[in-house]
Amino acid sequence: MSRLIYKITFFIALQIVSLQANSQTNAAYHARVNEAEVLITDSLFAEALVKYEQAFSLQPTATSNAYYNAAVCAALTGKNKAAFRYLGKLKCKGIAFDEIQDQQVLSALKGTKEWQRFSTQYQSTARTCTDKINQSYRDTLLAMVASDQYYYRKRAELASSKADSVLLAAYVDSIDYITNRNTDAFLQLVSRNGFPSEKLVGATKPDGAVFYNILLRHAVQRGRRDILPALLTAVLNGELSPHVYAYHAEYFEKEKFGSTVVRGTANGTQVLPFSPEAEKARNQERAKLGMEPLADLRKKASFSSSDKRFYIDKPNSTVRFFKSREEMLQYRRENNL
């Protein structure tokens, strides 16, 4: 019995050491990425590319937006070979070539012979690496997103057309049912298959956004706090951006991480200030998860409001401004919110 207890204790100790090591590596990775993103806001693209390369040495399977931003930095500084190398990383995420083809910032690359060769290779060899993605898991999540969006879209359409209140209430009840069903299914999938990281289920766009993020948001909006532990564990394991966790956790703990730093207005954008004491407290919470200080987040949010060449904005860092209720409803319909 004592030998069994020793083995169990030893195994637990190894798991703790491994988790701590992963956490430290992930924090270092996010620190390098943040340094790269801040350099981008100062138009120091060559220096930013160096930081991205340092980040990739720490995290061999980086996020899609990190690879994409590194490719753009390379393209803007004439390092075409590096640009194609990092764009090529996106095919293993399951990102369609059209998502890259449509990027205007890559126009200089599109005029080269290398682009034609890259285009052919990207589309013809994508399956050689997307086989590593759990396609069944990915398809299941996409189907859950589709069912979620259908009911939210119908609710928005009914609200916009001022439909019968009984019919609208029926769709609200359906949304509650679908959301709880999807949340239970999501937690079961995580328990059975592991957390759906980009490495496991890929991505749909090069912006680094979690394609099933709407499921998480609707879960917390209906009080499903039980989804947060799975998200936090994924952050510590390097399987989810800490910004995504902070975005959802703040639904229950308002402004704990200070995620919203810029507000859209009729005249542009407005920085939302914190007192020095409040900012210090929030920065301490952010540092625990490996996130940048608020000063850097503000800088990136302000930059992203006018420069669309990069994907360095974070979830909910900028609050959208609507001129009217009709504009708000239209936005909700278009984005299935």
C-alpha atoms as a PDB file:
ATOM      1  CA  MET A   1       0.000   0.000   0.000  1.00  0.00           C
ATOM      2  CA  SER A   2       2.799   2.405   0.930  1.00  0.00           C
ATOM      3  CA  ARG A   3       4.496   1.750  -2.428  1.00  0.00           C
ATOM      4  CA  LEU A   4       1.238   2.514  -4.255  1.00  0.00           C
ATOM      5  CA  ILE A   5       0.795   5.754  -2.321  1.00  0.00           C
ATOM      6  CA  TYR A   6       4.390   6.691  -3.158  1.00  0.00           C
ATOM      7  CA  LYS A   7       3.790   6.057  -6.879  1.00  0.00           C
ATOM      8  CA  ILE A   8       0.596   8.113  -6.863  1.00  0.00           C
ATOM      9  CA  THR A   9       2.303  10.973  -4.994  1.00  0.00           C
ATOM     10  CA  PHE A  10       5.262  10.858  -7.374  1.00  0.00           C
ATOM     11  CA  PHE A  11       2.943  10.924 -10.416  1.00  0.00           C
ATOM     12  CA  ILE A  12       1.016  13.920  -9.046  1.00  0.00           C
ATOM     13  CA  ALA A  13       4.280  15.741  -8.330  1.00  0.00           C
ATOM     14  CA  LEU A  14       5.425  15.156 -11.921  1.00  0.00           C
ATOM     15  CA  GLN A  15       2.139  16.504 -13.242  1.00  0.00           C
ATOM     16  CA  ILE A  16       2.479  19.651 -11.119  1.00  0.00           C
ATOM     17  CA  VAL A  17       6.068  20.225 -12.267  1.00  0.00           C
ATOM     18  CA  SER A  18       5.023  19.686 -15.897  1.00  0.00           C
ATOM     19  CA  LEU A  19       2.109  22.136 -15.568  1.00  0.00           C
ATOM     20  CA  GLN A  20       4.383  24.758 -13.996  1.00  0.00           C
ATOM     21  CA  ALA A  21       6.950  24.316 -16.770  1.00  0.00           C
ATOM     22  CA  ASN A  22       4.240  24.644 -19.427  1.00  0.00           C
ATOM     23  CA  SER A  23       2.894  27.752 -17.737  1.00  0.00           C
ATOM     24  CA  GLN A  24       6.344  29.380 -17.712  1.00  0.00           C
ATOM     25  CA  THR A  25       6.946  28.539 -21.372  1.00  0.00           C
ATOM     26  CA  ASN A  26       3.517  29.859 -22.345  1.00  0.00           C
ATOM     27  CA  ALA A  27       4.118  33.093 -20.420  1.00  0.00           C
ATOM     28  CA  ALA A  28       7.432  33.575 -22.231  1.00  0.00           C
ATOM     29  CA  TYR A  29       5.757  32.877 -25.584  1.00  0.00           C
ATOM     30  CA  HIS A  30       2.993  35.433 -24.958  1.00  0.00           C
ATOM     31  CA  ALA A  31       5.575  37.984 -23.780  1.00  0.00           C
ATOM     32  CA  ARG A  32       7.504  37.700 -27.076  1.00  0.00           C
ATOM     33  CA  VAL A  33       4.280  37.921 -29.101  1.00  0.00           C
ATOM     34  CA  ASN A  34       3.234  41.022 -27.172  1.00  0.00           C
ATOM     35  CA  GLU A  35       6.614  42.643 -27.831  1.00  0.00           C
ATOM     36  CA  ALA A  36       6.167  41.894 -31.534  1.00  0.00           C
ATOM     37  CA  GLU A  37       2.656  43.366 -31.572  1.00  0.00           C
ATOM     38  CA  VAL A  38       3.753  46.557 -29.807  1.00  0.00           C
ATOM     39  CA  LEU A  39       6.592  46.954 -32.328  1.00  0.00           C
ATOM     40  CA  ILE A  40       4.019  46.605 -35.112  1.00  0.00           C
ATOM     41  CA  THR A  41       2.086  49.577 -33.722  1.00  0.00           C
ATOM     42  CA  ASP A  42       5.320  51.595 -34.107  1.00  0.00           C
ATOM     43  CA  SER A  43       5.760  50.325 -37.697  1.00  0.00           C
ATOM     44  CA  LEU A  44       8.971  48.498 -36.693  1.00  0.00           C
ATOM     45  CA  PHE A  45       8.161  45.439 -38.767  1.00  0.00           C
ATOM     46  CA  ALA A  46      11.687  43.986 -39.062  1.00  0.00           C
ATOM     47  CA  GLU A  47      12.139  44.138 -35.306  1.00  0.00           C
ATOM     48  CA  ALA A  48       8.687  42.628 -34.802  1.00  0.00           C
ATOM     49  CA  LEU A  49       9.592  39.717 -37.071  1.00  0.00           C
ATOM     50  CA  VAL A  50      12.599  38.941 -34.860  1.00  0.00           C
ATOM     51  CA  LYS A  51      10.320  38.789 -31.809  1.00  0.00           C
ATOM     52  CA  TYR A  52       7.910  36.474 -33.601  1.00  0.00           C
ATOM     53  CA  GLU A  53      10.778  34.145 -34.499  1.00  0.00           C
ATOM     54  CA  GLN A  54      11.813  34.090 -30.846  1.00  0.00           C
ATOM     55  CA  ALA A  55       8.225  33.262 -29.868  1.00  0.00           C
ATOM     56  CA  PHE A  56       8.058  30.407 -32.384  1.00  0.00           C
ATOM     57  CA  SER A  57      11.218  28.894 -30.916  1.00  0.00           C
ATOM     58  CA  LEU A  58       9.356  28.644 -27.605  1.00  0.00           C
ATOM     59  CA  GLN A  59       6.057  27.375 -29.030  1.00  0.00           C
ATOM     60  CA  PRO A  60       6.519  25.213 -32.149  1.00  0.00           C
ATOM     61  CA  THR A  61       2.763  25.214 -32.872  1.00  0.00           C
ATOM     62  CA  ALA A  62       1.919  28.909 -32.602  1.00  0.00           C
ATOM     63  CA  THR A  63      -1.479  30.470 -33.210  1.00  0.00           C
ATOM     64  CA  SER A  64      -2.717  31.340 -36.686  1.00  0.00           C
ATOM     65  CA  ASN A  65      -2.677  35.103 -36.118  1.00  0.00           C
ATOM     66  CA  ALA A  66       0.939  34.978 -34.911  1.00  0.00           C
ATOM     67  CA  TYR A  67       2.000  33.164 -38.079  1.00  0.00           C
ATOM     68  CA  TYR A  68      -0.068  35.517 -40.222  1.00  0.00           C
ATOM     69  CA  ASN A  69       1.291  38.670 -38.563  1.00  0.00           C
ATOM     70  CA  ALA A  70       4.842  37.362 -38.891  1.00  0.00           C
ATOM     71  CA  ALA A  71       4.199  36.729 -42.605  1.00  0.00           C
ATOM     72  CA  VAL A  72       2.906  40.280 -43.081  1.00  0.00           C
ATOM     73  CA  CYS A  73       5.954  41.708 -41.276  1.00  0.00           C
ATOM     74  CA  ALA A  74       8.185  39.642 -43.551  1.00  0.00           C
ATOM     75  CA  ALA A  75       6.315  40.735 -46.687  1.00  0.00           C
ATOM     76  CA  LEU A  76       6.501  44.415 -45.710  1.00  0.00           C
ATOM     77  CA  THR A  77      10.275  44.173 -45.191  1.00  0.00           C
ATOM     78  CA  GLY A  78      11.031  42.291 -48.406  1.00  0.00           C
ATOM     79  CA  LYS A  79      11.653  38.920 -46.766  1.00  0.00           C
ATOM     80  CA  ASN A  80       9.438  37.002 -49.164  1.00  0.00           C
ATOM     81  CA  LYS A  81      10.868  33.583 -48.356  1.00  0.00           C
ATOM     82  CA  ALA A  82       9.988  33.998 -44.680  1.00  0.00           C
ATOM     83  CA  ALA A  83       6.561  35.370 -45.609  1.00  0.00           C
ATOM     84  CA  PHE A  84       5.705  32.276 -47.651  1.00  0.00           C
ATOM     85  CA  ARG A  85       7.074  30.005 -44.936  1.00  0.00           C
ATOM     86  CA  TYR A  86       4.778  31.480 -42.274  1.00  0.00           C
ATOM     87  CA  LEU A  87       1.767  31.643 -44.577  1.00  0.00           C
ATOM     88  CA  GLY A  88       2.364  27.987 -45.300  1.00  0.00           C
ATOM     89  CA  LYS A  89       1.876  27.228 -41.605  1.00  0.00           C
ATOM     90  CA  LEU A  90      -1.773  28.238 -41.966  1.00  0.00           C
ATOM     91  CA  LYS A  91      -2.679  25.340 -44.232  1.00  0.00           C
ATOM     92  CA  CYS A  92      -2.071  22.888 -41.375  1.00  0.00           C
ATOM     93  CA  LYS A  93      -4.659  24.809 -39.375  1.00  0.00           C
ATOM     94  CA  GLY A  94      -7.319  23.981 -41.951  1.00  0.00           C
ATOM     95  CA  ILE A  95      -7.520  27.598 -43.182  1.00  0.00           C
ATOM     96  CA  ALA A  96      -8.732  27.830 -46.782  1.00  0.00           C
ATOM     97  CA  PHE A  97      -6.434  29.483 -49.312  1.00  0.00           C
ATOM     98  CA  ASP A  98      -9.135  32.059 -50.124  1.00  0.00           C
ATOM     99  CA  GLU A  99      -8.691  33.504 -46.623  1.00  0.00           C
ATOM    100  CA  ILE A 100      -5.111  34.371 -47.582  1.00  0.00           C
ATOM    101  CA  GLN A 101      -5.792  35.275 -51.211  1.00  0.00           C
ATOM    102  CA  ASP A 102      -8.216  38.004 -50.119  1.00  0.00           C
ATOM    103  CA  GLN A 103      -5.684  39.856 -47.925  1.00  0.00           C
ATOM    104  CA  GLN A 104      -4.806  43.175 -49.597  1.00  0.00           C
ATOM    105  CA  VAL A 105      -1.630  43.633 -47.567  1.00  0.00           C
ATOM    106  CA  LEU A 106      -0.127  40.661 -49.429  1.00  0.00           C
ATOM    107  CA  SER A 107      -0.607  42.256 -52.865  1.00  0.00           C
ATOM    108  CA  ALA A 108       3.152  42.633 -53.396  1.00  0.00           C
ATOM    109  CA  LEU A 109       3.593  38.892 -52.962  1.00  0.00           C
ATOM    110  CA  LYS A 110       0.761  38.106 -55.356  1.00  0.00           C
ATOM    111  CA  GLY A 111       2.682  39.647 -58.239  1.00  0.00           C
ATOM    112  CA  THR A 112       5.582  37.206 -57.929  1.00  0.00           C
ATOM    113  CA  LYS A 113       6.212  33.821 -59.553  1.00  0.00           C
ATOM    114  CA  GLU A 114       6.671  32.400 -56.071  1.00  0.00           C
ATOM    115  CA  TRP A 115       3.031  33.227 -55.304  1.00  0.00           C
ATOM    116  CA  GLN A 116       1.758  31.014 -58.109  1.00  0.00           C
ATOM    117  CA  ARG A 117       3.900  28.132 -56.901  1.00  0.00           C
ATOM    118  CA  PHE A 118       2.848  28.773 -53.293  1.00  0.00           C
ATOM    119  CA  SER A 119      -0.832  28.851 -54.292  1.00  0.00           C
ATOM    120  CA  THR A 120      -0.583  25.496 -56.055  1.00  0.00           C
ATOM    121  CA  GLN A 121       1.344  23.831 -53.248  1.00  0.00           C
ATOM    122  CA  TYR A 122      -0.916  25.249 -50.524  1.00  0.00           C
ATOM    123  CA  GLN A 123      -4.062  23.867 -52.079  1.00  0.00           C
ATOM    124  CA  SER A 124      -2.646  20.559 -53.316  1.00  0.00           C
ATOM    125  CA  THR A 125      -0.754  19.569 -50.167  1.00  0.00           C
ATOM    126  CA  ALA A 126      -3.106  20.863 -47.471  1.00  0.00           C
ATOM    127  CA  ARG A 127      -4.368  17.384 -46.648  1.00  0.00           C
ATOM    128  CA  THR A 128      -0.886  16.128 -45.872  1.00  0.00           C
ATOM    129  CA  CYS A 129      -0.900  18.111 -42.625  1.00  0.00           C
ATOM    130  CA  THR A 130      -4.583  18.718 -41.906  1.00  0.00           C
ATOM    131  CA  ASP A 131      -4.813  14.968 -41.333  1.00  0.00           C
ATOM    132  CA  LYS A 132      -3.399  15.777 -37.891  1.00  0.00           C
ATOM    133  CA  ILE A 133      -6.539  17.782 -37.114  1.00  0.00           C
ATOM    134  CA  ASN A 134      -9.364  15.875 -35.455  1.00  0.00           C
ATOM    135  CA  GLN A 135     -11.829  16.520 -38.268  1.00  0.00           C
ATOM    136  CA  SER A 136     -14.721  14.800 -36.515  1.00  0.00           C
ATOM    137  CA  TYR A 137     -14.215  17.009 -33.443  1.00  0.00           C
ATOM    138  CA  ARG A 138     -13.969  20.098 -35.644  1.00  0.00           C
ATOM    139  CA  ASP A 139     -17.133  19.191 -37.581  1.00  0.00           C
ATOM    140  CA  THR A 140     -19.050  18.587 -34.362  1.00  0.00           C
ATOM    141  CA  LEU A 141     -18.117  22.023 -33.043  1.00  0.00           C
ATOM    142  CA  LEU A 142     -19.014  23.674 -36.351  1.00  0.00           C
ATOM    143  CA  ALA A 143     -22.429  21.954 -36.266  1.00  0.00           C
ATOM    144  CA  MET A 144     -22.979  23.215 -32.714  1.00  0.00           C
ATOM    145  CA  VAL A 145     -22.098  26.729 -33.849  1.00  0.00           C
ATOM    146  CA  ALA A 146     -24.532  26.440 -36.764  1.00  0.00           C
ATOM    147  CA  SER A 147     -27.414  25.383 -34.500  1.00  0.00           C
ATOM    148  CA  ASP A 148     -26.601  28.192 -32.084  1.00  0.00           C
ATOM    149  CA  GLN A 149     -26.461  30.806 -34.826  1.00  0.00           C
ATOM    150  CA  TYR A 150     -29.719  29.688 -36.417  1.00  0.00           C
ATOM    151  CA  TYR A 151     -31.772  30.416 -33.307  1.00  0.00           C
ATOM    152  CA  TYR A 152     -29.956  33.639 -32.464  1.00  0.00           C
ATOM    153  CA  ARG A 153     -30.407  34.848 -36.041  1.00  0.00           C
ATOM    154  CA  LYS A 154     -34.125  34.105 -35.931  1.00  0.00           C
ATOM    155  CA  ARG A 155     -34.474  35.932 -32.619  1.00  0.00           C
ATOM    156  CA  ALA A 156     -32.710  39.003 -34.007  1.00  0.00           C
ATOM    157  CA  GLU A 157     -34.902  38.958 -37.122  1.00  0.00           C
ATOM    158  CA  LEU A 158     -38.068  38.691 -35.035  1.00  0.00           C
ATOM    159  CA  ALA A 159     -36.955  41.475 -32.700  1.00  0.00           C
ATOM    160  CA  SER A 160     -36.135  43.697 -35.674  1.00  0.00           C
ATOM    161  CA  SER A 161     -39.528  43.059 -37.336  1.00  0.00           C
ATOM    162  CA  LYS A 162     -41.388  43.534 -34.028  1.00  0.00           C
ATOM    163  CA  ALA A 163     -42.940  40.089 -34.360  1.00  0.00           C
ATOM    164  CA  ASP A 164     -45.552  38.583 -32.058  1.00  0.00           C
ATOM    165  CA  SER A 165     -44.250  38.518 -28.480  1.00  0.00           C
ATOM    166  CA  VAL A 166     -45.361  34.916 -27.964  1.00  0.00           C
ATOM    167  CA  LEU A 167     -43.360  33.756 -30.986  1.00  0.00           C
ATOM    168  CA  LEU A 168     -40.348  35.762 -29.852  1.00  0.00           C
ATOM    169  CA  ALA A 169     -40.603  34.254 -26.351  1.00  0.00           C
ATOM    170  CA  ALA A 170     -40.677  30.780 -27.900  1.00  0.00           C
ATOM    171  CA  TYR A 171     -37.390  31.428 -29.670  1.00  0.00           C
ATOM    172  CA  VAL A 172     -35.860  32.778 -26.458  1.00  0.00           C
ATOM    173  CA  ASP A 173     -36.858  29.525 -24.727  1.00  0.00           C
ATOM    174  CA  SER A 174     -35.357  27.565 -27.617  1.00  0.00           C
ATOM    175  CA  ILE A 175     -32.134  29.537 -27.294  1.00  0.00           C
ATOM    176  CA  ASP A 176     -31.925  28.676 -23.587  1.00  0.00           C
ATOM    177  CA  TYR A 177     -32.373  24.994 -24.405  1.00  0.00           C
ATOM    178  CA  ILE A 178     -29.885  24.980 -27.301  1.00  0.00           C
ATOM    179  CA  THR A 179     -27.272  26.908 -25.310  1.00  0.00           C
ATOM    180  CA  ASN A 180     -27.443  24.581 -22.320  1.00  0.00           C
ATOM    181  CA  ARG A 181     -27.398  21.535 -24.591  1.00  0.00           C
ATOM    182  CA  ASN A 182     -24.352  22.836 -26.468  1.00  0.00           C
ATOM    183  CA  THR A 183     -22.552  23.744 -23.249  1.00  0.00           C
ATOM    184  CA  ASP A 184     -23.089  20.273 -21.786  1.00  0.00           C
ATOM    185  CA  ALA A 185     -21.946  18.716 -25.057  1.00  0.00           C
ATOM    186  CA  PHE A 186     -18.854  20.972 -25.173  1.00  0.00           C
ATOM    187  CA  LEU A 187     -17.751  19.962 -21.676  1.00  0.00           C
ATOM    188  CA  GLN A 188     -18.295  16.305 -22.529  1.00  0.00           C
ATOM    189  CA  LEU A 189     -16.194  16.691 -25.688  1.00  0.00           C
ATOM    190  CA  VAL A 190     -13.381  18.318 -23.711  1.00  0.00           C
ATOM    191  CA  SER A 191     -13.485  15.496 -21.164  1.00  0.00           C
ATOM    192  CA  ARG A 192     -13.425  12.838 -23.878  1.00  0.00           C
ATOM    193  CA  ASN A 193     -11.137  14.327 -26.557  1.00  0.00           C
ATOM    194  CA  GLY A 194      -9.148  17.062 -24.836  1.00  0.00           C
ATOM    195  CA  PHE A 195      -9.534  20.812 -25.199  1.00  0.00           C
ATOM    196  CA  PRO A 196     -10.224  21.962 -28.810  1.00  0.00           C
ATOM    197  CA  SER A 197      -7.026  23.918 -29.335  1.00  0.00           C
ATOM    198  CA  GLU A 198      -5.910  25.121 -32.750  1.00  0.00           C
ATOM    199  CA  LYS A 199      -3.497  22.195 -32.804  1.00  0.00           C
ATOM    200  CA  LEU A 200      -6.373  19.747 -32.284  1.00  0.00           C
ATOM    201  CA  VAL A 201      -9.239  21.264 -34.318  1.00  0.00           C
ATOM    202  CA  GLY A 202      -7.528  23.955 -36.390  1.00  0.00           C
ATOM    203  CA  ALA A 203      -8.922  27.373 -37.283  1.00  0.00           C
ATOM    204  CA  THR A 204     -11.177  28.838 -39.963  1.00  0.00           C
ATOM    205  CA  LYS A 205      -9.528  32.261 -40.399  1.00  0.00           C
ATOM    206  CA  PRO A 206      -6.014  33.662 -39.908  1.00  0.00           C
ATOM    207  CA  ASP A 207      -7.175  36.140 -37.261  1.00  0.00           C
ATOM    208  CA  GLY A 208      -6.507  33.853 -34.292  1.00  0.00           C
ATOM    209  CA  ALA A 209     -10.160  33.906 -33.233  1.00  0.00           C
ATOM    210  CA  VAL A 210     -11.616  30.729 -31.737  1.00  0.00           C
ATOM    211  CA  PHE A 211     -14.217  29.645 -34.290  1.00  0.00           C
ATOM    212  CA  TYR A 212     -16.483  28.229 -31.576  1.00  0.00           C
ATOM    213  CA  ASN A 213     -16.072  31.267 -29.309  1.00  0.00           C
ATOM    214  CA  ILE A 214     -19.748  32.186 -29.722  1.00  0.00           C
ATOM    215  CA  LEU A 215     -20.657  28.949 -27.911  1.00  0.00           C
ATOM    216  CA  LEU A 216     -18.532  29.998 -24.953  1.00  0.00           C
ATOM    217  CA  ARG A 217     -19.977  33.503 -24.890  1.00  0.00           C
ATOM    218  CA  HIS A 218     -23.567  32.357 -24.973  1.00  0.00           C
ATOM    219  CA  ALA A 219     -22.805  29.813 -22.231  1.00  0.00           C
ATOM    220  CA  VAL A 220     -21.540  32.449 -19.789  1.00  0.00           C
ATOM    221  CA  GLN A 221     -24.383  34.804 -20.719  1.00  0.00           C
ATOM    222  CA  ARG A 222     -26.725  32.128 -19.417  1.00  0.00           C
ATOM    223  CA  GLY A 223     -24.826  31.746 -16.180  1.00  0.00           C
ATOM    224  CA  ARG A 224     -22.795  28.661 -17.101  1.00  0.00           C
ATOM    225  CA  ARG A 225     -19.838  29.480 -14.885  1.00  0.00           C
ATOM    226  CA  ASP A 226     -18.944  25.771 -14.953  1.00  0.00           C
ATOM    227  CA  ILE A 227     -17.305  26.265 -18.336  1.00  0.00           C
ATOM    228  CA  LEU A 228     -14.565  28.528 -16.927  1.00  0.00           C
ATOM    229  CA  PRO A 229     -12.373  25.850 -15.247  1.00  0.00           C
ATOM    230  CA  ALA A 230     -11.957  24.062 -18.592  1.00  0.00           C
ATOM    231  CA  LEU A 231     -10.925  27.351 -20.236  1.00  0.00           C
ATOM    232  CA  LEU A 232      -8.456  28.223 -17.478  1.00  0.00           C
ATOM    233  CA  THR A 233      -6.831  24.792 -17.618  1.00  0.00           C
ATOM    234  CA  ALA A 234      -6.493  25.200 -21.385  1.00  0.00           C
ATOM    235  CA  VAL A 235      -4.739  28.554 -20.871  1.00  0.00           C
ATOM    236  CA  LEU A 236      -2.262  27.014 -18.420  1.00  0.00           C
ATOM    237  CA  ASN A 237      -1.583  24.203 -20.892  1.00  0.00           C
ATOM    238  CA  GLY A 238      -1.020  26.611 -23.784  1.00  0.00           C
ATOM    239  CA  GLU A 239      -4.157  25.432 -25.598  1.00  0.00           C
ATOM    240  CA  LEU A 240      -6.131  28.696 -25.441  1.00  0.00           C
ATOM    241  CA  SER A 241      -5.279  32.387 -25.519  1.00  0.00           C
ATOM    242  CA  PRO A 242      -5.503  33.947 -22.041  1.00  0.00           C
ATOM    243  CA  HIS A 243      -7.403  36.840 -23.634  1.00  0.00           C
ATOM    244  CA  VAL A 244     -10.264  34.501 -24.541  1.00  0.00           C
ATOM    245  CA  TYR A 245     -10.488  33.224 -20.966  1.00  0.00           C
ATOM    246  CA  ALA A 246     -10.353  36.771 -19.552  1.00  0.00           C
ATOM    247  CA  TYR A 247     -13.116  37.899 -21.898  1.00  0.00           C
ATOM    248  CA  HIS A 248     -15.493  35.231 -20.622  1.00  0.00           C
ATOM    249  CA  ALA A 249     -14.401  35.311 -16.974  1.00  0.00           C
ATOM    250  CA  GLU A 250     -15.137  39.028 -16.813  1.00  0.00           C
ATOM    251  CA  TYR A 251     -18.799  38.311 -17.420  1.00  0.00           C
ATOM    252  CA  PHE A 252     -18.888  37.139 -13.802  1.00  0.00           C
ATOM    253  CA  GLU A 253     -16.064  39.293 -12.408  1.00  0.00           C
ATOM    254  CA  LYS A 254     -16.521  42.694 -14.028  1.00  0.00           C
ATOM    255  CA  GLU A 255     -13.313  44.386 -15.192  1.00  0.00           C
ATOM    256  CA  LYS A 256     -11.077  41.963 -13.275  1.00  0.00           C
ATOM    257  CA  PHE A 257      -8.611  42.011 -16.163  1.00  0.00           C
ATOM    258  CA  GLY A 258      -9.593  45.381 -17.632  1.00  0.00           C
ATOM    259  CA  SER A 259     -10.121  43.826 -21.061  1.00  0.00           C
ATOM    260  CA  THR A 260     -12.107  46.755 -22.526  1.00  0.00           C
ATOM    261  CA  VAL A 261      -9.757  49.701 -23.046  1.00  0.00           C
ATOM    262  CA  VAL A 262     -11.096  51.538 -26.125  1.00  0.00           C
ATOM    263  CA  ARG A 263     -14.657  52.587 -26.919  1.00  0.00           C
ATOM    264  CA  GLY A 264     -15.892  53.362 -30.391  1.00  0.00           C
ATOM    265  CA  THR A 265     -17.622  56.741 -30.674  1.00  0.00           C
ATOM    266  CA  ALA A 266     -19.318  58.740 -33.404  1.00  0.00           C
ATOM    267  CA  ASN A 267     -16.033  60.635 -33.877  1.00  0.00           C
ATOM    268  CA  GLY A 268     -13.582  57.764 -33.730  1.00  0.00           C
ATOM    269  CA  THR A 269     -12.245  56.022 -30.624  1.00  0.00           C
ATOM    270  CA  GLN A 270     -11.930  56.978 -26.974  1.00  0.00           C
ATOM    271  CA  VAL A 271      -9.515  55.483 -24.435  1.00  0.00           C
ATOM    272  CA  LEU A 272     -11.197  54.259 -21.246  1.00  0.00           C
ATOM    273  CA  PRO A 273      -8.916  55.200 -18.332  1.00  0.00           C
ATOM    274  CA  PHE A 274      -8.434  53.441 -15.003  1.00  0.00           C
ATOM    275  CA  SER A 275      -7.073  55.061 -11.870  1.00  0.00           C
ATOM    276  CA  PRO A 276      -3.371  54.213 -11.254  1.00  0.00           C
ATOM    277  CA  GLU A 277      -4.371  51.928  -8.385  1.00  0.00           C
ATOM    278  CA  ALA A 278      -7.031  50.116 -10.428  1.00  0.00           C
ATOM    279  CA  GLU A 279      -4.694  49.728 -13.402  1.00  0.00           C
ATOM    280  CA  LYS A 280      -1.974  48.254 -11.203  1.00  0.00           C
ATOM    281  CA  ALA A 281      -4.412  45.716  -9.730  1.00  0.00           C
ATOM    282  CA  ARG A 282      -5.646  44.687 -13.164  1.00  0.00           C
ATOM    283  CA  ASN A 283      -2.126  44.404 -14.535  1.00  0.00           C
ATOM    284  CA  GLN A 284      -1.275  42.032 -11.708  1.00  0.00           C
ATOM    285  CA  GLU A 285      -4.229  39.818 -12.615  1.00  0.00           C
ATOM    286  CA  ARG A 286      -3.287  39.965 -16.299  1.00  0.00           C
ATOM    287  CA  ALA A 287       0.324  39.022 -15.569  1.00  0.00           C
ATOM    288  CA  LYS A 288      -0.811  35.850 -13.794  1.00  0.00           C
ATOM    289  CA  LEU A 289      -2.182  34.588 -17.116  1.00  0.00           C
ATOM    290  CA  GLY A 290       0.661  35.893 -19.260  1.00  0.00           C
ATOM    291  CA  MET A 291      -1.226  38.860 -20.735  1.00  0.00           C
ATOM    292  CA  GLU A 292       0.303  42.211 -21.598  1.00  0.00           C
ATOM    293  CA  PRO A 293      -0.123  45.293 -19.364  1.00  0.00           C
ATOM    294  CA  LEU A 294      -3.083  47.549 -20.122  1.00  0.00           C
ATOM    295  CA  ALA A 295      -0.877  50.271 -21.614  1.00  0.00           C
ATOM    296  CA  ASP A 296       0.176  47.852 -24.362  1.00  0.00           C
ATOM    297  CA  LEU A 297      -3.394  46.621 -24.852  1.00  0.00           C
ATOM    298  CA  ARG A 298      -4.624  50.198 -25.313  1.00  0.00           C
ATOM    299  CA  LYS A 299      -1.925  50.858 -27.853  1.00  0.00           C
ATOM    300  CA  LYS A 300      -2.836  47.769 -29.869  1.00  0.00           C
ATOM    301  CA  ALA A 301      -6.582  48.403 -29.681  1.00  0.00           C
ATOM    302  CA  SER A 302      -6.149  51.994 -30.891  1.00  0.00           C
ATOM    303  CA  PHE A 303      -3.831  50.883 -33.698  1.00  0.00           C
ATOM    304  CA  SER A 304      -6.243  48.151 -34.837  1.00  0.00           C
ATOM    305  CA  SER A 305      -9.151  50.581 -35.052  1.00  0.00           C
ATOM    306  CA  SER A 306      -7.515  52.244 -38.079  1.00  0.00           C
ATOM    307  CA  ASP A 307      -4.928  49.769 -39.419  1.00  0.00           C
ATOM    308  CA  LYS A 308      -6.476  46.517 -40.641  1.00  0.00           C
ATOM    309  CA  ARG A 309      -3.337  44.893 -42.027  1.00  0.00           C
ATOM    310  CA  PHE A 310      -2.653  42.903 -38.860  1.00  0.00           C
ATOM    311  CA  TYR A 311      -4.597  40.806 -36.386  1.00  0.00           C
ATOM    312  CA  ILE A 312      -3.355  42.114 -33.041  1.00  0.00           C
ATOM    313  CA  ASP A 313      -6.625  43.248 -31.460  1.00  0.00           C
ATOM    314  CA  LYS A 314      -7.890  41.167 -28.537  1.00  0.00           C
ATOM    315  CA  PRO A 315     -11.417  39.943 -27.675  1.00  0.00           C
ATOM    316  CA  ASN A 316     -13.583  42.789 -26.404  1.00  0.00           C
ATOM    317  CA  SER A 317     -10.692  45.276 -26.116  1.00  0.00           C
ATOM    318  CA  THR A 318     -12.754  47.674 -28.238  1.00  0.00           C
ATOM    319  CA  VAL A 319     -16.464  48.281 -27.592  1.00  0.00           C
ATOM    320  CA  ARG A 320     -18.442  48.984 -30.742  1.00  0.00           C
ATOM    321  CA  PHE A 321     -20.443  52.198 -31.158  1.00  0.00           C
ATOM    322  CA  PHE A 322     -23.935  52.085 -32.729  1.00  0.00           C
ATOM    323  CA  LYS A 323     -25.687  55.200 -33.986  1.00  0.00           C
ATOM    324  CA  SER A 324     -29.136  53.679 -33.553  1.00  0.00           C
ATOM    325  CA  ARG A 325     -31.016  50.633 -32.302  1.00  0.00           C
ATOM    326  CA  GLU A 326     -31.609  49.578 -35.913  1.00  0.00           C
ATOM    327  CA  GLU A 327     -27.864  49.602 -36.601  1.00  0.00           C
ATOM    328  CA  MET A 328     -27.281  47.510 -33.487  1.00  0.00           C
ATOM    329  CA  LEU A 329     -29.935  44.978 -34.495  1.00  0.00           C
ATOM    330  CA  GLN A 330     -28.502  44.736 -37.994  1.00  0.00           C
ATOM    331  CA  TYR A 331     -25.045  44.060 -36.542  1.00  0.00           C
ATOM    332  CA  ARG A 332     -26.500  41.344 -34.292  1.00  0.00           C
ATOM    333  CA  ARG A 333     -28.265  39.729 -37.250  1.00  0.00           C
ATOM    334  CA  GLU A 334     -25.132  39.745 -39.383  1.00  0.00           C
ATOM    335  CA  ASN A 335     -22.990  38.291 -36.586  1.00  0.00           C
ATOM    336  CA  ASN A 336     -25.627  35.997 -35.076  1.00  0.00           C
ATOM    337  CA  LEU A 337     -25.370  37.500 -31.617  1.00  0.00           C
END
